[in-house]
């Protein structure tokens, strides 16, 4: 039996409502995003009315739609889900955009500092805004940063600035070379009265050790690198055996390869090889060869650690039947030599032995004395009574109480006097270093002089 007096409630629900069963009864309830009685009206609910920060989170704008809403981030922020719009039901929020990732945003001579939701531009050290403000926001118009005093010091390729410096005229900037580079020139740049930096004379060149040391009867394992900490490994050629220390040499900061005692030996026809009187060698012959006339070939290779271009290569023979031969070599002072002595055995096998010789730098002059405050005299080690020696002088003066003061001069002097004298035109109240060089004997001496304040 159907009771036609009971109406069908679900059939009367609004288009934006849904019929629900509650305690055995049918009830019309407006859908999410709508409010009303569910039957006669269900109107849009404005979720944004409670405030964007409450429904969407911080740094947002809320936009209501028919039956729903969506959120967007304020300028200077982006959604964490990387979408332009979002509904914060998945934890999406607005995070700050780092505008300073764009390196050219603030223009030349300025740096960018990110702020919450925005950014500011500041002039770099040594620059200031022409309008006197401390910061600016370009907004399409790049601010103009003008140099203060001399402005930023000149950049140095493979060099860097040491310590603090001033931008005012008269101040100086100290440069040093990066690791693996060196410079033989001055390392200061000065701010002039015209508010410009003098060009720095520092020239940083890569440390280059050149070709590795030559070791007879060896083969080099090397990647051709001549920069600091590069290594070259040695191994004996076939028919020779190792005798000595480690088998590698390393390029050092001094622009030279380390000396090593690696030696490759062959059959010994001589023994007890030794050096005496600095440039002479002697040895003993094998018992089976005593009294037999024998020819020895001397191959001399010379290098200097402080003069990369110096190289000496000489070959000569001696023939002797002495049981304890001796020979003195005509070697340059201050050099490292590798002397290879070769002879032929009774079986026509060529054998050799190698010795390293290091000569001292001969003293060209001594007993240097200072007199009359600005004069020097010394005792000359005469090589010939009528032979002149040429001296080169390099004088540099500094004052501890006047950092910008610098006095420099160079000149040469040729003399055959036994006790030469020279007087300098020096400034008063100054500390001087005088480098006296005698190129002919590869000898130099440094003398310090201090003039009185007049």
Protein backbone atom coordinates (compact mmCIF):
# COMPACT_ATOMS: atom_id res chain seq x y z
CA UNK A 1 0.00 0.00 0.00
CA UNK A 2 1.57 3.37 -1.07
CA UNK A 3 0.93 6.38 1.10
CA UNK A 4 0.66 9.05 -1.56
CA UNK A 5 0.24 11.81 1.07
CA UNK A 6 4.03 11.71 1.95
CA UNK A 7 6.02 13.92 -0.53
CA UNK A 8 9.34 12.73 -2.09
CA UNK A 9 11.80 15.08 -0.29
CA UNK A 10 14.78 14.12 -2.45
CA UNK A 11 12.90 15.21 -5.56
CA UNK A 12 12.62 18.69 -4.15
CA UNK A 13 16.39 19.23 -3.51
CA UNK A 14 18.02 22.29 -5.08
CA UNK A 15 20.26 21.81 -8.11
CA UNK A 16 23.30 22.61 -5.90
CA UNK A 17 22.11 20.30 -3.09
CA UNK A 18 22.37 16.58 -2.31
CA UNK A 19 19.81 14.34 -0.58
CA UNK A 20 21.05 12.66 2.59
CA UNK A 21 19.36 10.08 4.89
CA UNK A 22 19.45 11.21 8.52
CA UNK A 23 17.71 9.14 11.26
CA UNK A 24 15.47 7.50 8.66
CA UNK A 25 14.52 10.79 7.08
CA UNK A 26 15.52 12.33 3.76
CA UNK A 27 17.21 15.73 4.07
CA UNK A 28 18.45 18.13 1.34
CA UNK A 29 21.88 19.63 2.14
CA UNK A 30 23.64 22.26 -0.01
CA UNK A 31 26.86 21.07 -1.71
CA UNK A 32 30.32 22.18 -0.55
CA UNK A 33 30.84 25.81 -1.50
CA UNK A 34 27.12 26.68 -1.24
CA UNK A 35 24.88 27.73 1.69
CA UNK A 36 21.04 27.63 2.00
CA UNK A 37 18.12 25.36 3.04
CA UNK A 38 18.94 22.84 0.39
CA UNK A 39 15.51 22.97 -1.24
CA UNK A 40 14.49 26.45 -2.30
CA UNK A 41 17.93 28.00 -2.49
CA UNK A 42 21.70 27.13 -2.34
CA UNK A 43 23.77 30.23 -3.01
CA UNK A 44 27.51 30.55 -3.50
CA UNK A 45 29.59 30.71 -0.31
CA UNK A 46 32.32 33.41 -0.44
CA UNK A 47 35.21 31.60 1.24
CA UNK A 48 37.47 34.63 0.74
CA UNK A 49 35.42 36.79 3.12
CA UNK A 50 37.27 35.44 6.14
CA UNK A 51 40.54 36.88 4.75
CA UNK A 52 43.17 35.61 2.29
CA UNK A 53 45.77 34.92 5.00
CA UNK A 54 43.32 32.73 6.93
CA UNK A 55 42.13 30.58 4.07
CA UNK A 56 45.09 30.73 1.65
CA UNK A 57 48.02 31.46 3.97
CA UNK A 58 50.57 34.29 4.18
CA UNK A 59 51.57 36.40 1.17
CA UNK A 60 48.48 35.41 -0.88
CA UNK A 61 45.40 36.75 -2.65
CA UNK A 62 42.08 34.84 -2.49
CA UNK A 63 39.75 34.69 -5.53
CA UNK A 64 36.16 33.46 -5.05
CA UNK A 65 34.50 31.37 -7.79
CA UNK A 66 31.00 29.94 -8.18
CA UNK A 67 30.94 27.17 -5.63
CA UNK A 68 34.66 27.32 -4.86
CA UNK A 69 37.76 29.59 -4.71
CA UNK A 70 41.46 29.62 -5.59
CA UNK A 71 44.62 31.28 -4.23
CA UNK A 72 47.51 33.13 -5.92
CA UNK A 73 50.79 34.37 -4.46
CA UNK A 74 51.61 38.07 -4.09
CA UNK A 75 54.29 39.64 -6.30
CA UNK A 76 57.72 38.56 -5.06
CA UNK A 77 56.50 35.08 -4.00
CA UNK A 78 55.87 31.78 -5.76
CA UNK A 79 53.71 28.76 -4.88
CA UNK A 80 55.63 25.80 -3.47
CA UNK A 81 53.91 23.53 -6.03
CA UNK A 82 55.22 25.81 -8.83
CA UNK A 83 51.66 26.43 -10.16
CA UNK A 84 50.17 29.90 -10.64
CA UNK A 85 47.02 29.04 -8.64
CA UNK A 86 46.33 26.57 -5.84
CA UNK A 87 43.84 25.51 -3.17
CA UNK A 88 45.66 25.02 0.14
CA UNK A 89 44.41 21.52 0.82
CA UNK A 90 47.77 19.86 0.02
CA UNK A 91 50.08 22.02 2.13
CA UNK A 92 50.96 24.43 -0.69
CA UNK A 93 52.21 27.83 0.53
CA UNK A 94 53.88 30.93 -0.89
CA UNK A 95 57.66 31.23 -0.59
CA UNK A 96 59.90 34.22 -1.25
CA UNK A 97 61.43 34.58 -4.74
CA UNK A 98 65.15 35.40 -4.71
CA UNK A 99 65.21 38.07 -7.40
CA UNK A 100 68.98 38.43 -6.91
CA UNK A 101 69.54 35.21 -8.85
CA UNK A 102 69.40 37.49 -11.89
CA UNK A 103 72.97 38.85 -11.77
CA UNK A 104 72.26 41.89 -13.94
CA UNK A 105 69.21 43.08 -12.03
CA UNK A 106 70.92 46.04 -10.30
CA UNK A 107 73.21 47.08 -13.16
CA UNK A 108 76.94 47.83 -13.16
CA UNK A 109 78.86 48.53 -9.94
CA UNK A 110 75.91 47.46 -7.78
CA UNK A 111 75.00 44.36 -5.79
CA UNK A 112 71.58 42.86 -5.09
CA UNK A 113 70.28 41.98 -1.60
CA UNK A 114 67.15 39.83 -1.38
CA UNK A 115 64.37 40.90 1.03
CA UNK A 116 61.08 39.29 2.01
CA UNK A 117 58.92 39.55 -1.10
CA UNK A 118 61.26 41.97 -2.83
CA UNK A 119 64.90 43.06 -3.09
CA UNK A 120 67.15 46.12 -2.78
CA UNK A 121 70.17 47.28 -4.73
CA UNK A 122 73.31 48.66 -3.06
CA UNK A 123 76.38 50.17 -4.67
CA UNK A 124 79.55 48.07 -4.43
CA UNK A 125 82.44 49.15 -2.21
CA UNK A 126 84.04 52.22 -3.72
CA UNK A 127 80.79 53.47 -5.30
CA UNK A 128 77.82 55.54 -4.15
CA UNK A 129 74.45 56.69 -5.53
CA UNK A 130 74.44 60.09 -7.14
CA UNK A 131 71.25 61.01 -5.27
CA UNK A 132 72.85 60.27 -1.89
CA UNK A 133 70.51 57.38 -0.98
CA UNK A 134 71.93 54.19 0.55
CA UNK A 135 69.94 51.79 -1.65
CA UNK A 136 67.67 51.79 -4.69
CA UNK A 137 65.08 49.65 -6.44
CA UNK A 138 65.49 49.84 -10.22
CA UNK A 139 61.85 49.11 -11.19
CA UNK A 140 62.98 49.27 -14.79
CA UNK A 141 65.33 52.22 -14.22
CA UNK A 142 68.85 51.12 -13.25
CA UNK A 143 70.38 53.31 -10.55
CA UNK A 144 73.69 55.04 -11.24
CA UNK A 145 76.55 54.15 -8.88
CA UNK A 146 79.43 56.61 -9.04
CA UNK A 147 82.99 55.85 -7.90
CA UNK A 148 84.09 57.17 -4.52
CA UNK A 149 87.66 58.44 -4.56
CA UNK A 150 89.68 56.10 -6.77
CA UNK A 151 86.91 53.48 -6.78
CA UNK A 152 87.60 49.78 -6.95
CA UNK A 153 91.30 48.92 -7.48
CA UNK A 154 92.27 47.36 -10.80
CA UNK A 155 91.82 43.61 -11.03
CA UNK A 156 94.92 41.47 -11.24
CA UNK A 157 94.91 38.35 -13.40
CA UNK A 158 95.94 35.41 -11.22
CA UNK A 159 96.42 37.86 -8.32
CA UNK A 160 94.45 39.06 -5.32
CA UNK A 161 94.43 41.96 -2.85
CA UNK A 162 95.99 41.42 0.58
CA UNK A 163 94.49 43.18 3.62
CA UNK A 164 92.40 46.34 3.81
CA UNK A 165 92.86 49.43 1.69
CA UNK A 166 91.56 53.00 1.39
CA UNK A 167 90.05 54.65 -1.67
CA UNK A 168 91.51 58.05 -0.84
CA UNK A 169 94.40 59.59 -2.83
CA UNK A 170 97.79 58.49 -1.53
CA UNK A 171 96.61 55.08 -0.38
CA UNK A 172 98.06 51.82 -1.69
CA UNK A 173 96.74 48.38 -2.52
CA UNK A 174 98.92 45.33 -1.91
CA UNK A 175 98.63 42.44 -4.37
CA UNK A 176 99.86 38.85 -4.14
CA UNK A 177 99.87 36.09 -6.74
CA UNK A 178 97.61 33.08 -6.49
CA UNK A 179 98.94 29.65 -5.60
CA UNK A 180 101.02 28.33 -8.48
CA UNK A 181 101.98 31.80 -9.79
CA UNK A 182 104.86 34.20 -9.09
CA UNK A 183 105.98 37.73 -9.91
CA UNK A 184 109.41 39.38 -10.01
CA UNK A 185 107.92 42.89 -10.20
CA UNK A 186 106.45 45.31 -7.65
CA UNK A 187 103.14 44.39 -6.07
CA UNK A 188 101.57 47.76 -5.14
CA UNK A 189 99.12 50.12 -6.85
CA UNK A 190 98.63 53.69 -5.60
CA UNK A 191 95.56 55.97 -5.64
CA UNK A 192 96.62 59.24 -7.29
CA UNK A 193 95.45 62.81 -6.64
CA UNK A 194 93.34 62.52 -9.80
CA UNK A 195 91.30 59.76 -8.13
CA UNK A 196 92.66 57.07 -10.44
CA UNK A 197 94.68 53.97 -9.62
CA UNK A 198 98.17 53.67 -10.99
CA UNK A 199 98.52 50.52 -13.11
CA UNK A 200 99.87 47.75 -10.88
CA UNK A 201 103.26 46.49 -12.05
CA UNK A 202 102.57 43.04 -10.63
CA UNK A 203 102.58 40.41 -13.37
CA UNK A 204 101.61 36.96 -12.11
CA UNK A 205 103.11 34.24 -14.23
CA UNK A 206 102.46 30.56 -13.84
CA UNK A 207 105.29 28.73 -12.08
CA UNK A 208 107.07 26.64 -14.67
CA UNK A 209 109.91 24.31 -13.70
CA UNK A 210 110.90 23.67 -17.32
CA UNK A 211 112.31 20.35 -18.42
CA UNK A 212 113.03 17.82 -15.64
CA UNK A 213 116.55 16.90 -14.58
CA UNK A 214 118.49 14.62 -16.92
CA UNK A 215 119.56 11.32 -15.37
CA UNK A 216 121.72 9.10 -17.58
CA UNK A 217 120.46 5.67 -18.60
CA UNK A 218 116.92 6.36 -17.47
CA UNK A 219 113.54 6.71 -19.10
CA UNK A 220 111.11 9.34 -17.82
CA UNK A 221 107.46 8.66 -17.08
CA UNK A 222 105.96 12.13 -17.21
CA UNK A 223 102.73 13.83 -18.32
CA UNK A 224 104.67 16.92 -19.55
CA UNK A 225 103.25 19.05 -16.74
CA UNK A 226 105.73 21.63 -15.37
CA UNK A 227 103.48 23.29 -12.76
CA UNK A 228 104.01 23.03 -8.96
CA UNK A 229 103.67 19.53 -7.45
CA UNK A 230 103.97 17.89 -10.87
CA UNK A 231 106.06 14.72 -10.78
CA UNK A 232 108.39 12.93 -13.15
CA UNK A 233 109.26 9.29 -12.47
CA UNK A 234 112.50 7.63 -13.61
CA UNK A 235 113.22 4.01 -14.46
CA UNK A 236 116.48 2.44 -15.59
CA UNK A 237 116.97 1.45 -19.19
CA UNK A 238 117.51 -2.20 -20.07
CA UNK A 239 120.97 -3.40 -19.01
CA UNK A 240 121.21 -1.02 -16.04
CA UNK A 241 120.22 -1.41 -12.41
CA UNK A 242 118.95 1.08 -9.85
CA UNK A 243 121.18 2.54 -7.15
CA UNK A 244 120.17 5.54 -5.04
CA UNK A 245 117.21 7.18 -3.35
CA UNK A 246 113.64 7.76 -4.52
CA UNK A 247 112.79 7.45 -8.19
CA UNK A 248 110.81 10.67 -8.71
CA UNK A 249 111.38 14.43 -8.75
CA UNK A 250 108.76 17.08 -7.93
CA UNK A 251 108.33 20.62 -9.31
CA UNK A 252 108.58 23.08 -6.38
CA UNK A 253 107.47 26.67 -5.78
CA UNK A 254 111.10 27.71 -6.38
CA UNK A 255 110.51 26.94 -10.08
CA UNK A 256 112.94 24.05 -10.06
CA UNK A 257 112.80 20.26 -9.97
CA UNK A 258 113.97 18.58 -6.78
CA UNK A 259 117.40 16.99 -6.91
CA UNK A 260 117.30 13.22 -6.47
CA UNK A 261 120.01 10.59 -6.06
CA UNK A 262 118.50 8.11 -8.50
CA UNK A 263 121.33 6.42 -10.44
CA UNK A 264 121.26 3.57 -12.94
CA UNK A 265 124.46 1.50 -12.88
CA UNK A 266 125.93 -0.96 -15.36
CA UNK A 267 128.87 -3.39 -15.01
CA UNK A 268 131.58 -1.77 -12.92
CA UNK A 269 135.04 -1.47 -14.48
CA UNK A 270 135.98 1.09 -11.86
CA UNK A 271 135.16 1.62 -8.19
CA UNK A 272 135.50 4.03 -5.28
CA UNK A 273 134.68 7.00 -7.48
CA UNK A 274 134.98 10.18 -5.40
CA UNK A 275 135.13 13.97 -5.72
CA UNK A 276 137.94 16.10 -4.31
CA UNK A 277 138.94 19.76 -4.53
CA UNK A 278 135.32 20.43 -5.58
CA UNK A 279 135.93 19.90 -9.34
CA UNK A 280 138.18 16.82 -9.47
CA UNK A 281 137.27 13.11 -9.58
CA UNK A 282 139.32 9.99 -8.90
CA UNK A 283 138.65 6.24 -8.96
CA UNK A 284 140.20 2.80 -8.71
CA UNK A 285 140.43 0.40 -11.62
CA UNK A 286 139.25 -3.19 -11.46
CA UNK A 287 141.94 -5.75 -10.60
CA UNK A 288 141.65 -7.50 -13.94
CA UNK A 289 142.38 -4.24 -15.80
CA UNK A 290 145.40 -2.99 -13.83
CA UNK A 291 148.25 -1.65 -15.95
CA UNK A 292 146.20 -1.79 -19.16
CA UNK A 293 145.91 1.43 -21.11
CA UNK A 294 142.28 2.47 -21.20
CA UNK A 295 140.30 5.34 -22.72
CA UNK A 296 137.59 7.06 -20.70
CA UNK A 297 134.95 9.36 -22.18
CA UNK A 298 133.66 12.19 -19.98
CA UNK A 299 130.20 13.59 -20.76
CA UNK A 300 129.42 16.65 -18.60
CA UNK A 301 125.94 18.17 -18.29
CA UNK A 302 125.58 21.38 -16.27
CA UNK A 303 122.54 23.32 -15.02
CA UNK A 304 121.79 26.11 -12.57
CA UNK A 305 118.66 26.18 -10.42
CA UNK A 306 118.68 30.02 -10.35
CA UNK A 307 119.32 30.51 -14.09
CA UNK A 308 116.94 28.43 -16.20
CA UNK A 309 118.59 29.34 -19.50
CA UNK A 310 122.05 28.16 -18.40
CA UNK A 311 123.07 24.83 -19.88
CA UNK A 312 126.47 23.23 -20.42
CA UNK A 313 127.17 20.09 -22.42
CA UNK A 314 130.76 18.96 -22.96
CA UNK A 315 132.45 15.71 -24.05
CA UNK A 316 136.18 14.79 -23.94
CA UNK A 317 138.42 11.71 -23.67
CA UNK A 318 141.42 10.73 -21.55
CA UNK A 319 143.67 7.69 -22.02
CA UNK A 320 145.62 6.32 -19.05
CA UNK A 321 147.16 3.15 -17.68
CA UNK A 322 147.22 4.42 -14.07
CA UNK A 323 145.61 2.20 -11.48
CA UNK A 324 144.14 5.19 -9.62
CA UNK A 325 143.32 7.79 -12.28
CA UNK A 326 142.52 11.40 -11.41
CA UNK A 327 141.12 14.19 -13.55
CA UNK A 328 140.15 17.79 -12.76
CA UNK A 329 137.28 19.34 -14.69
CA UNK A 330 136.92 22.92 -15.96
CA UNK A 331 133.57 23.69 -14.33
CA UNK A 332 131.67 26.97 -13.82
CA UNK A 333 131.03 28.10 -10.27
CA UNK A 334 127.59 27.88 -8.70
CA UNK A 335 126.37 25.06 -10.97
CA UNK A 336 125.08 21.51 -10.70
CA UNK A 337 126.81 18.95 -12.93
CA UNK A 338 126.17 15.36 -13.93
CA UNK A 339 129.47 13.75 -14.96
CA UNK A 340 129.14 10.49 -16.89
CA UNK A 341 132.37 8.48 -17.29
CA UNK A 342 132.19 5.79 -19.98
CA UNK A 343 134.66 3.09 -20.99
CA UNK A 344 134.59 -0.20 -22.93
CA UNK A 345 135.07 -3.55 -21.22
CA UNK A 346 137.21 -6.39 -22.53
CA UNK A 347 134.03 -7.93 -23.97
CA UNK A 348 133.40 -4.75 -25.98
CA UNK A 349 130.50 -3.83 -23.69
CA UNK A 350 130.17 -0.13 -23.03
CA UNK A 351 129.82 0.57 -19.30
CA UNK A 352 129.52 3.86 -17.50
CA UNK A 353 129.34 5.42 -14.07
CA UNK A 354 127.77 8.75 -13.12
CA UNK A 355 128.61 11.24 -10.40
CA UNK A 356 126.90 14.50 -9.42
CA UNK A 357 129.14 17.55 -8.86
CA UNK A 358 127.91 20.78 -7.31
CA UNK A 359 130.33 23.74 -7.47
CA UNK A 360 130.20 26.66 -5.09
CA UNK A 361 129.79 30.29 -6.15
CA UNK A 362 133.23 31.88 -6.11
CA UNK A 363 133.47 34.96 -3.97
CA UNK A 364 134.24 37.89 -6.28
CA UNK A 365 134.85 40.45 -3.50
CA UNK A 366 134.72 40.77 0.28
CA UNK A 367 135.37 43.07 3.25
CA UNK A 368 132.65 45.54 2.18
CA UNK A 369 132.79 48.68 4.38
CA UNK A 370 130.47 51.71 4.71
CA UNK A 371 132.06 55.13 5.19
CA UNK A 372 130.93 58.76 5.10
CA UNK A 373 127.32 57.54 5.56
CA UNK A 374 126.72 57.11 1.78
CA UNK A 375 129.89 55.45 0.44
CA UNK A 376 131.09 51.84 0.06
CA UNK A 377 134.47 50.26 -0.51
CA UNK A 378 135.50 46.63 -0.77
CA UNK A 379 138.45 44.33 -1.40
CA UNK A 380 138.50 42.91 -4.90
CA UNK A 381 139.61 39.32 -5.50
CA UNK A 382 141.75 40.21 -8.50
CA UNK A 383 141.68 37.80 -11.45
CA UNK A 384 144.36 39.80 -13.26
CA UNK A 385 146.15 42.97 -12.28
CA UNK A 386 145.14 44.84 -15.44
CA UNK A 387 141.79 43.15 -15.95
CA UNK A 388 138.71 45.21 -15.19
CA UNK A 389 135.71 43.83 -13.31
CA UNK A 390 132.23 45.17 -14.06
CA UNK A 391 129.84 45.66 -11.13
CA UNK A 392 126.08 46.31 -11.30
CA UNK A 393 124.41 48.32 -8.50
CA UNK A 394 120.67 48.22 -7.68
CA UNK A 395 119.72 50.66 -4.88
CA UNK A 396 116.27 50.80 -3.22
CA UNK A 397 115.26 53.13 -0.38
CA UNK A 398 112.25 53.08 1.97
CA UNK A 399 111.14 55.10 5.02
CA UNK A 400 109.19 53.46 7.83
CA UNK A 401 107.60 56.79 8.73
CA UNK A 402 106.58 57.65 5.13
CA UNK A 403 105.08 54.57 3.47
CA UNK A 404 104.63 56.15 0.03
CA UNK A 405 108.31 57.16 -0.20
CA UNK A 406 110.41 55.04 -2.56
CA UNK A 407 113.84 55.82 -4.03
CA UNK A 408 115.43 53.53 -6.63
CA UNK A 409 118.45 53.76 -8.91
CA UNK A 410 120.67 51.41 -10.92
CA UNK A 411 124.08 51.90 -12.51
CA UNK A 412 127.25 50.02 -13.42
CA UNK A 413 130.93 50.48 -12.53
CA UNK A 414 134.00 49.03 -14.25
CA UNK A 415 137.29 49.13 -12.32
CA UNK A 416 140.65 47.40 -12.01
CA UNK A 417 141.43 48.91 -8.57
CA UNK A 418 142.31 46.51 -5.78
CA UNK A 419 140.03 48.36 -3.30
CA UNK A 420 137.28 50.11 -5.30
CA UNK A 421 135.15 52.88 -3.76
CA UNK A 422 131.77 54.29 -4.76
CA UNK A 423 129.55 57.01 -3.25
CA UNK A 424 125.77 57.17 -3.76
CA UNK A 425 123.44 60.18 -4.06
CA UNK A 426 121.13 59.10 -1.22
CA UNK A 427 118.20 60.84 0.48
CA UNK A 428 118.47 61.60 4.24
CA UNK A 429 116.57 59.62 6.87
CA UNK A 430 116.14 56.55 4.65
CA UNK A 431 116.83 52.81 4.89
CA UNK A 432 118.60 51.57 1.75
CA UNK A 433 119.38 48.11 0.41
CA UNK A 434 122.25 47.99 -2.09
CA UNK A 435 122.60 44.89 -4.27
CA UNK A 436 126.09 44.61 -5.79
CA UNK A 437 126.32 42.04 -8.60
CA UNK A 438 129.25 40.77 -10.59
CA UNK A 439 127.75 38.99 -13.56
CA UNK A 440 131.02 37.52 -14.80
CA UNK A 441 131.32 35.31 -11.70
CA UNK A 442 127.59 34.92 -10.97
CA UNK A 443 128.15 36.57 -7.57
CA UNK A 444 126.11 39.17 -5.74
CA UNK A 445 126.08 40.75 -2.28
CA UNK A 446 123.38 42.73 -0.43
CA UNK A 447 124.38 45.65 1.82
CA UNK A 448 122.04 47.65 4.10
CA UNK A 449 122.64 51.36 4.66
CA UNK A 450 120.72 53.94 6.74
CA UNK A 451 121.19 57.66 6.17
CA UNK A 452 120.80 60.14 9.00
CA UNK A 453 117.97 62.68 9.20
CA UNK A 454 119.53 66.08 8.51
